[in-house]
Amino acid sequence: MKLTLTALLVAVVASLSVVGPTRAFDDKKEDITPTFKNRPESEKEFITKVGEATLKAVRTSPTKMEMLDYKITDPKANRKLIEINMSWAGAVTGKKFKSTIKVTVDPTDKEKWEVIEIEYNDDNPSLKVGMEKNLKTLKAKFNR
């Protein structure tokens, strides 16, 4: 019995040591996060990429991501609010979820918008581990 538990412990530690470097390698992939400083002509395509990048920043592995709709409003002077509604599925369960993403930008310079704030909410009851930190990092990437 003791030998079996020891073998199990060795197997778990060995598998974790393999998983660690794989995650670090994934982080070095080419960054394809869109930037608000250089927006393309196609607004819908750009907003879709913003929604997907936000989902990936908050959730571990969303799949089948699809933008349902978006709306851009002017809540006050020198501010635009981009509200994006996304649909996605969990990688493990395949269950569908809906997310609402609100990106507040300063459009003073028409060519180079600056992201002021990102708000995220979805109907998935699981925890959003590190959401605030990840959204802060994403905001910096959007403004690069």
N, C-alpha and C. Protein backbone atom coordinates (compact mmCIF):
# COMPACT_ATOMS: atom_id res chain seq x y z
N MET A 1 0.83 -1.20 0.00
CA MET A 1 0.00 0.00 0.00
C MET A 1 0.87 1.26 0.00
N LYS A 2 1.92 1.26 0.85
CA LYS A 2 2.80 2.41 0.94
C LYS A 2 3.53 2.63 -0.38
N LEU A 3 3.93 1.54 -1.03
CA LEU A 3 4.62 1.62 -2.31
C LEU A 3 3.70 2.23 -3.38
N THR A 4 2.42 1.86 -3.35
CA THR A 4 1.45 2.38 -4.31
C THR A 4 1.26 3.89 -4.12
N LEU A 5 1.14 4.34 -2.89
CA LEU A 5 0.99 5.78 -2.63
C LEU A 5 2.24 6.55 -3.04
N THR A 6 3.40 5.98 -2.79
CA THR A 6 4.65 6.63 -3.19
C THR A 6 4.73 6.72 -4.70
N ALA A 7 4.37 5.65 -5.39
CA ALA A 7 4.39 5.66 -6.86
C ALA A 7 3.40 6.69 -7.41
N LEU A 8 2.24 6.78 -6.78
CA LEU A 8 1.24 7.77 -7.20
C LEU A 8 1.76 9.19 -7.01
N LEU A 9 2.39 9.44 -5.87
CA LEU A 9 2.94 10.76 -5.60
C LEU A 9 4.03 11.13 -6.61
N VAL A 10 4.89 10.18 -6.93
CA VAL A 10 5.96 10.42 -7.92
C VAL A 10 5.34 10.72 -9.28
N ALA A 11 4.29 10.00 -9.65
CA ALA A 11 3.63 10.22 -10.94
C ALA A 11 3.00 11.60 -11.01
N VAL A 12 2.37 12.04 -9.93
CA VAL A 12 1.74 13.37 -9.89
C VAL A 12 2.79 14.46 -10.01
N VAL A 13 3.87 14.36 -9.26
CA VAL A 13 4.93 15.36 -9.30
C VAL A 13 5.56 15.40 -10.69
N ALA A 14 5.78 14.24 -11.29
CA ALA A 14 6.37 14.19 -12.63
C ALA A 14 5.45 14.84 -13.65
N SER A 15 4.14 14.60 -13.55
CA SER A 15 3.21 15.19 -14.51
C SER A 15 3.12 16.71 -14.33
N LEU A 16 3.21 17.20 -13.11
CA LEU A 16 3.18 18.64 -12.88
C LEU A 16 4.42 19.32 -13.43
N SER A 17 5.55 18.65 -13.37
CA SER A 17 6.78 19.25 -13.89
C SER A 17 6.73 19.37 -15.40
N VAL A 18 5.96 18.52 -16.07
CA VAL A 18 5.80 18.59 -17.51
C VAL A 18 4.82 19.70 -17.88
N VAL A 19 3.76 19.87 -17.09
CA VAL A 19 2.74 20.88 -17.37
C VAL A 19 3.29 22.29 -17.22
N GLY A 20 4.14 22.54 -16.24
CA GLY A 20 4.69 23.87 -15.99
C GLY A 20 5.37 24.49 -17.20
N PRO A 21 6.36 23.83 -17.81
CA PRO A 21 7.03 24.40 -18.97
C PRO A 21 6.11 24.57 -20.16
N THR A 22 5.12 23.70 -20.31
CA THR A 22 4.19 23.82 -21.42
C THR A 22 3.42 25.13 -21.32
N ARG A 23 2.95 25.49 -20.14
CA ARG A 23 2.23 26.74 -19.94
C ARG A 23 3.13 27.93 -20.23
N ALA A 24 4.37 27.87 -19.77
CA ALA A 24 5.31 28.96 -20.02
C ALA A 24 5.55 29.12 -21.51
N PHE A 25 5.59 28.02 -22.24
CA PHE A 25 5.79 28.08 -23.68
C PHE A 25 4.60 28.74 -24.35
N ASP A 26 3.38 28.41 -23.89
CA ASP A 26 2.17 29.01 -24.46
C ASP A 26 2.17 30.53 -24.30
N ASP A 27 2.72 31.02 -23.19
CA ASP A 27 2.74 32.46 -22.94
C ASP A 27 3.64 33.19 -23.93
N LYS A 28 4.56 32.47 -24.58
CA LYS A 28 5.49 33.10 -25.51
C LYS A 28 4.97 33.13 -26.94
N LYS A 29 3.74 32.65 -27.16
CA LYS A 29 3.15 32.68 -28.49
C LYS A 29 3.04 34.13 -28.95
N GLU A 30 2.97 34.29 -30.26
CA GLU A 30 2.84 35.63 -30.82
C GLU A 30 1.58 36.30 -30.27
N ASP A 31 1.73 37.51 -29.79
CA ASP A 31 0.60 38.25 -29.21
C ASP A 31 -0.24 38.85 -30.34
N ILE A 32 -1.50 38.44 -30.41
CA ILE A 32 -2.38 38.94 -31.47
C ILE A 32 -3.49 39.82 -30.89
N THR A 33 -3.24 40.38 -29.70
CA THR A 33 -4.22 41.26 -29.07
C THR A 33 -4.35 42.53 -29.90
N PRO A 34 -5.59 42.93 -30.24
CA PRO A 34 -5.76 44.16 -31.02
C PRO A 34 -5.37 45.39 -30.20
N THR A 35 -5.02 46.46 -30.89
CA THR A 35 -4.67 47.70 -30.21
C THR A 35 -5.60 48.83 -30.67
N PHE A 36 -6.03 49.65 -29.74
CA PHE A 36 -6.90 50.78 -30.07
C PHE A 36 -6.12 51.93 -30.69
N LYS A 37 -4.80 51.84 -30.69
CA LYS A 37 -3.97 52.89 -31.28
C LYS A 37 -3.87 52.74 -32.79
N ASN A 38 -4.25 51.57 -33.30
CA ASN A 38 -4.14 51.30 -34.73
C ASN A 38 -5.32 50.43 -35.16
N ARG A 39 -6.51 51.01 -35.18
CA ARG A 39 -7.71 50.25 -35.51
C ARG A 39 -7.83 50.06 -37.02
N PRO A 40 -8.26 48.86 -37.45
CA PRO A 40 -8.45 48.62 -38.88
C PRO A 40 -9.74 49.26 -39.39
N GLU A 41 -9.94 49.18 -40.69
CA GLU A 41 -11.13 49.77 -41.31
C GLU A 41 -12.42 49.04 -40.88
N SER A 42 -12.37 47.72 -40.78
CA SER A 42 -13.56 46.94 -40.44
C SER A 42 -13.83 47.01 -38.94
N GLU A 43 -14.83 47.81 -38.57
CA GLU A 43 -15.17 48.01 -37.16
C GLU A 43 -15.66 46.71 -36.52
N LYS A 44 -16.53 45.98 -37.20
CA LYS A 44 -17.10 44.76 -36.64
C LYS A 44 -16.00 43.72 -36.38
N GLU A 45 -15.09 43.56 -37.31
CA GLU A 45 -13.99 42.60 -37.15
C GLU A 45 -13.11 42.99 -35.96
N PHE A 46 -12.83 44.28 -35.82
CA PHE A 46 -12.00 44.77 -34.72
C PHE A 46 -12.70 44.53 -33.38
N ILE A 47 -13.98 44.86 -33.29
CA ILE A 47 -14.74 44.68 -32.04
C ILE A 47 -14.82 43.19 -31.68
N THR A 48 -14.95 42.32 -32.68
CA THR A 48 -14.95 40.88 -32.42
C THR A 48 -13.64 40.45 -31.79
N LYS A 49 -12.52 40.95 -32.31
CA LYS A 49 -11.20 40.60 -31.76
C LYS A 49 -11.04 41.14 -30.34
N VAL A 50 -11.59 42.31 -30.07
CA VAL A 50 -11.54 42.88 -28.71
C VAL A 50 -12.32 41.97 -27.75
N GLY A 51 -13.51 41.54 -28.16
CA GLY A 51 -14.32 40.64 -27.34
C GLY A 51 -13.63 39.32 -27.08
N GLU A 52 -13.03 38.74 -28.11
CA GLU A 52 -12.32 37.47 -27.95
C GLU A 52 -11.11 37.61 -27.03
N ALA A 53 -10.36 38.69 -27.19
CA ALA A 53 -9.19 38.92 -26.33
C ALA A 53 -9.60 39.08 -24.87
N THR A 54 -10.72 39.76 -24.64
CA THR A 54 -11.21 39.95 -23.27
C THR A 54 -11.65 38.62 -22.66
N LEU A 55 -12.38 37.82 -23.43
CA LEU A 55 -12.80 36.51 -22.95
C LEU A 55 -11.60 35.64 -22.58
N LYS A 56 -10.59 35.63 -23.45
CA LYS A 56 -9.39 34.83 -23.19
C LYS A 56 -8.62 35.33 -21.98
N ALA A 57 -8.71 36.62 -21.70
CA ALA A 57 -8.01 37.18 -20.54
C ALA A 57 -8.70 36.78 -19.23
N VAL A 58 -10.02 36.66 -19.26
CA VAL A 58 -10.77 36.39 -18.03
C VAL A 58 -10.99 34.89 -17.81
N ARG A 59 -11.32 34.17 -18.85
CA ARG A 59 -11.64 32.74 -18.74
C ARG A 59 -10.47 31.88 -19.20
N THR A 60 -10.33 30.71 -18.61
CA THR A 60 -9.18 29.85 -18.87
C THR A 60 -9.11 29.39 -20.32
N SER A 61 -10.16 28.81 -20.83
CA SER A 61 -10.11 28.30 -22.21
C SER A 61 -11.49 28.31 -22.85
N PRO A 62 -12.00 29.49 -23.18
CA PRO A 62 -13.30 29.55 -23.85
C PRO A 62 -13.17 29.03 -25.29
N THR A 63 -14.21 28.36 -25.76
CA THR A 63 -14.22 27.87 -27.14
C THR A 63 -15.48 28.37 -27.83
N LYS A 64 -15.53 28.21 -29.13
CA LYS A 64 -16.69 28.59 -29.93
C LYS A 64 -17.15 30.01 -29.62
N MET A 65 -16.20 30.93 -29.58
CA MET A 65 -16.53 32.33 -29.27
C MET A 65 -17.21 32.98 -30.48
N GLU A 66 -18.25 33.73 -30.19
CA GLU A 66 -18.99 34.41 -31.25
C GLU A 66 -19.54 35.73 -30.71
N MET A 67 -19.35 36.79 -31.49
CA MET A 67 -19.92 38.07 -31.08
C MET A 67 -21.39 38.07 -31.48
N LEU A 68 -22.26 38.32 -30.52
CA LEU A 68 -23.69 38.38 -30.79
C LEU A 68 -24.07 39.75 -31.35
N ASP A 69 -23.64 40.80 -30.66
CA ASP A 69 -23.88 42.16 -31.13
C ASP A 69 -22.99 43.12 -30.35
N TYR A 70 -22.95 44.36 -30.84
CA TYR A 70 -22.20 45.40 -30.13
C TYR A 70 -22.88 46.74 -30.36
N LYS A 71 -22.59 47.66 -29.46
CA LYS A 71 -23.18 48.99 -29.54
C LYS A 71 -22.14 49.99 -29.05
N ILE A 72 -21.98 51.09 -29.77
CA ILE A 72 -21.07 52.15 -29.35
C ILE A 72 -21.90 53.39 -29.04
N THR A 73 -21.77 53.89 -27.81
CA THR A 73 -22.52 55.07 -27.40
C THR A 73 -21.56 56.14 -26.89
N ASP A 74 -22.07 57.36 -26.77
CA ASP A 74 -21.30 58.49 -26.24
C ASP A 74 -21.95 58.93 -24.93
N PRO A 75 -21.56 58.32 -23.79
CA PRO A 75 -22.21 58.66 -22.51
C PRO A 75 -21.93 60.08 -22.04
N LYS A 76 -20.77 60.63 -22.41
CA LYS A 76 -20.44 62.02 -22.09
C LYS A 76 -19.35 62.50 -23.03
N ALA A 77 -19.00 63.76 -22.93
CA ALA A 77 -17.99 64.33 -23.82
C ALA A 77 -16.66 63.60 -23.67
N ASN A 78 -15.99 63.37 -24.79
CA ASN A 78 -14.68 62.71 -24.84
C ASN A 78 -14.69 61.30 -24.25
N ARG A 79 -15.81 60.61 -24.35
CA ARG A 79 -15.90 59.22 -23.90
C ARG A 79 -16.79 58.45 -24.87
N LYS A 80 -16.39 57.23 -25.16
CA LYS A 80 -17.21 56.30 -25.91
C LYS A 80 -17.30 55.02 -25.10
N LEU A 81 -18.47 54.42 -25.09
CA LEU A 81 -18.68 53.15 -24.40
C LEU A 81 -19.00 52.10 -25.46
N ILE A 82 -18.14 51.09 -25.54
CA ILE A 82 -18.35 49.99 -26.47
C ILE A 82 -18.89 48.81 -25.65
N GLU A 83 -20.12 48.43 -25.92
CA GLU A 83 -20.74 47.30 -25.20
C GLU A 83 -20.80 46.12 -26.16
N ILE A 84 -20.14 45.03 -25.79
CA ILE A 84 -20.03 43.84 -26.64
C ILE A 84 -20.71 42.67 -25.94
N ASN A 85 -21.59 41.98 -26.65
CA ASN A 85 -22.22 40.77 -26.14
C ASN A 85 -21.64 39.57 -26.89
N MET A 86 -21.05 38.65 -26.12
CA MET A 86 -20.38 37.48 -26.69
C MET A 86 -21.06 36.20 -26.22
N SER A 87 -20.99 35.18 -27.06
CA SER A 87 -21.44 33.84 -26.72
C SER A 87 -20.22 32.94 -26.81
N TRP A 88 -20.10 32.00 -25.87
CA TRP A 88 -18.96 31.08 -25.88
C TRP A 88 -19.32 29.81 -25.13
N ALA A 89 -18.47 28.80 -25.27
CA ALA A 89 -18.70 27.52 -24.60
C ALA A 89 -17.49 27.18 -23.75
N GLY A 90 -17.74 26.48 -22.66
CA GLY A 90 -16.65 26.00 -21.82
C GLY A 90 -15.93 24.86 -22.51
N ALA A 91 -14.62 24.81 -22.38
CA ALA A 91 -13.82 23.79 -23.07
C ALA A 91 -14.10 22.39 -22.54
N VAL A 92 -14.31 22.25 -21.25
CA VAL A 92 -14.49 20.92 -20.65
C VAL A 92 -15.94 20.44 -20.80
N THR A 93 -16.89 21.27 -20.41
CA THR A 93 -18.29 20.85 -20.41
C THR A 93 -19.00 21.10 -21.73
N GLY A 94 -18.53 22.07 -22.50
CA GLY A 94 -19.20 22.44 -23.74
C GLY A 94 -20.45 23.27 -23.50
N LYS A 95 -20.73 23.62 -22.25
CA LYS A 95 -21.91 24.41 -21.90
C LYS A 95 -21.76 25.83 -22.45
N LYS A 96 -22.86 26.37 -22.97
CA LYS A 96 -22.84 27.72 -23.55
C LYS A 96 -23.05 28.78 -22.47
N PHE A 97 -22.33 29.90 -22.65
CA PHE A 97 -22.44 31.03 -21.74
C PHE A 97 -22.51 32.31 -22.55
N LYS A 98 -22.98 33.38 -21.90
CA LYS A 98 -23.02 34.71 -22.53
C LYS A 98 -22.26 35.68 -21.65
N SER A 99 -21.53 36.57 -22.30
CA SER A 99 -20.74 37.58 -21.60
C SER A 99 -21.10 38.96 -22.10
N THR A 100 -21.01 39.93 -21.20
CA THR A 100 -21.16 41.33 -21.55
C THR A 100 -19.85 42.03 -21.22
N ILE A 101 -19.28 42.68 -22.21
CA ILE A 101 -18.00 43.38 -22.04
C ILE A 101 -18.25 44.85 -22.33
N LYS A 102 -17.82 45.71 -21.42
CA LYS A 102 -17.95 47.15 -21.61
C LYS A 102 -16.56 47.77 -21.60
N VAL A 103 -16.21 48.41 -22.70
CA VAL A 103 -14.91 49.06 -22.82
C VAL A 103 -15.15 50.56 -22.95
N THR A 104 -14.63 51.33 -22.00
CA THR A 104 -14.75 52.78 -22.04
C THR A 104 -13.46 53.33 -22.64
N VAL A 105 -13.59 54.16 -23.68
CA VAL A 105 -12.41 54.71 -24.35
C VAL A 105 -12.49 56.23 -24.43
N ASP A 106 -11.32 56.83 -24.55
CA ASP A 106 -11.20 58.27 -24.79
C ASP A 106 -10.89 58.45 -26.27
N PRO A 107 -11.86 58.94 -27.07
CA PRO A 107 -11.66 59.07 -28.51
C PRO A 107 -11.17 60.46 -28.94
N THR A 108 -10.53 61.20 -28.04
CA THR A 108 -10.09 62.56 -28.36
C THR A 108 -9.28 62.59 -29.65
N ASP A 109 -8.31 61.68 -29.76
CA ASP A 109 -7.55 61.52 -31.00
C ASP A 109 -8.28 60.46 -31.83
N LYS A 110 -8.88 60.86 -32.94
CA LYS A 110 -9.71 59.95 -33.73
C LYS A 110 -8.97 58.70 -34.19
N GLU A 111 -7.67 58.82 -34.41
CA GLU A 111 -6.87 57.68 -34.89
C GLU A 111 -6.37 56.79 -33.77
N LYS A 112 -6.17 57.34 -32.58
CA LYS A 112 -5.55 56.59 -31.48
C LYS A 112 -6.40 56.71 -30.22
N TRP A 113 -7.40 55.85 -30.11
CA TRP A 113 -8.23 55.84 -28.92
C TRP A 113 -7.45 55.28 -27.74
N GLU A 114 -7.80 55.73 -26.53
CA GLU A 114 -7.17 55.21 -25.32
C GLU A 114 -8.22 54.51 -24.46
N VAL A 115 -7.94 53.27 -24.07
CA VAL A 115 -8.86 52.52 -23.22
C VAL A 115 -8.74 53.03 -21.80
N ILE A 116 -9.87 53.43 -21.21
CA ILE A 116 -9.92 53.95 -19.85
C ILE A 116 -10.26 52.83 -18.87
N GLU A 117 -11.24 51.99 -19.23
CA GLU A 117 -11.72 50.96 -18.31
C GLU A 117 -12.32 49.79 -19.10
N ILE A 118 -12.18 48.59 -18.53
CA ILE A 118 -12.81 47.39 -19.10
C ILE A 118 -13.63 46.73 -17.99
N GLU A 119 -14.92 46.50 -18.27
CA GLU A 119 -15.79 45.80 -17.33
C GLU A 119 -16.21 44.48 -17.98
N TYR A 120 -16.25 43.42 -17.17
CA TYR A 120 -16.61 42.10 -17.69
C TYR A 120 -17.64 41.45 -16.77
N ASN A 121 -18.63 40.80 -17.38
CA ASN A 121 -19.62 40.05 -16.62
C ASN A 121 -20.12 38.90 -17.49
N ASP A 122 -20.35 37.73 -16.88
CA ASP A 122 -20.93 36.61 -17.63
C ASP A 122 -21.85 35.79 -16.74
N ASP A 123 -22.52 34.82 -17.36
CA ASP A 123 -23.47 33.99 -16.61
C ASP A 123 -22.87 32.64 -16.19
N ASN A 124 -21.56 32.51 -16.23
CA ASN A 124 -20.88 31.30 -15.77
C ASN A 124 -20.65 31.44 -14.26
N PRO A 125 -21.15 30.49 -13.46
CA PRO A 125 -21.01 30.61 -12.00
C PRO A 125 -19.60 30.33 -11.47
N SER A 126 -18.70 29.77 -12.29
CA SER A 126 -17.36 29.46 -11.78
C SER A 126 -16.56 30.74 -11.54
N LEU A 127 -15.56 30.62 -10.68
CA LEU A 127 -14.75 31.78 -10.30
C LEU A 127 -13.96 32.34 -11.47
N LYS A 128 -13.77 33.64 -11.45
CA LYS A 128 -12.95 34.33 -12.44
C LYS A 128 -11.62 34.66 -11.75
N VAL A 129 -10.75 33.67 -11.65
CA VAL A 129 -9.50 33.81 -10.91
C VAL A 129 -8.58 34.81 -11.62
N GLY A 130 -8.15 35.83 -10.89
CA GLY A 130 -7.22 36.82 -11.44
C GLY A 130 -7.82 37.77 -12.44
N MET A 131 -9.14 37.92 -12.44
CA MET A 131 -9.80 38.74 -13.46
C MET A 131 -9.31 40.18 -13.46
N GLU A 132 -9.24 40.81 -12.31
CA GLU A 132 -8.84 42.23 -12.24
C GLU A 132 -7.42 42.42 -12.78
N LYS A 133 -6.52 41.55 -12.37
CA LYS A 133 -5.13 41.64 -12.83
C LYS A 133 -5.05 41.43 -14.34
N ASN A 134 -5.77 40.43 -14.84
CA ASN A 134 -5.75 40.14 -16.27
C ASN A 134 -6.37 41.26 -17.10
N LEU A 135 -7.44 41.88 -16.59
CA LEU A 135 -8.05 43.00 -17.31
C LEU A 135 -7.13 44.21 -17.32
N LYS A 136 -6.39 44.42 -16.24
CA LYS A 136 -5.42 45.52 -16.19
C LYS A 136 -4.31 45.30 -17.22
N THR A 137 -3.83 44.06 -17.33
CA THR A 137 -2.81 43.72 -18.32
C THR A 137 -3.36 43.90 -19.73
N LEU A 138 -4.61 43.46 -19.94
CA LEU A 138 -5.24 43.59 -21.25
C LEU A 138 -5.41 45.05 -21.64
N LYS A 139 -5.78 45.89 -20.68
CA LYS A 139 -5.92 47.33 -20.93
C LYS A 139 -4.60 47.91 -21.44
N ALA A 140 -3.49 47.51 -20.83
CA ALA A 140 -2.17 47.98 -21.27
C ALA A 140 -1.88 47.50 -22.69
N LYS A 141 -2.26 46.27 -23.02
CA LYS A 141 -2.05 45.75 -24.38
C LYS A 141 -2.91 46.51 -25.39
N PHE A 142 -4.16 46.80 -25.02
CA PHE A 142 -5.04 47.56 -25.91
C PHE A 142 -4.46 48.95 -26.19
N ASN A 143 -3.75 49.53 -25.22
CA ASN A 143 -3.22 50.90 -25.35
C ASN A 143 -1.79 50.97 -25.90
N ARG A 144 -1.20 49.86 -26.26
CA ARG A 144 0.20 49.87 -26.73
C ARG A 144 0.34 50.46 -28.10
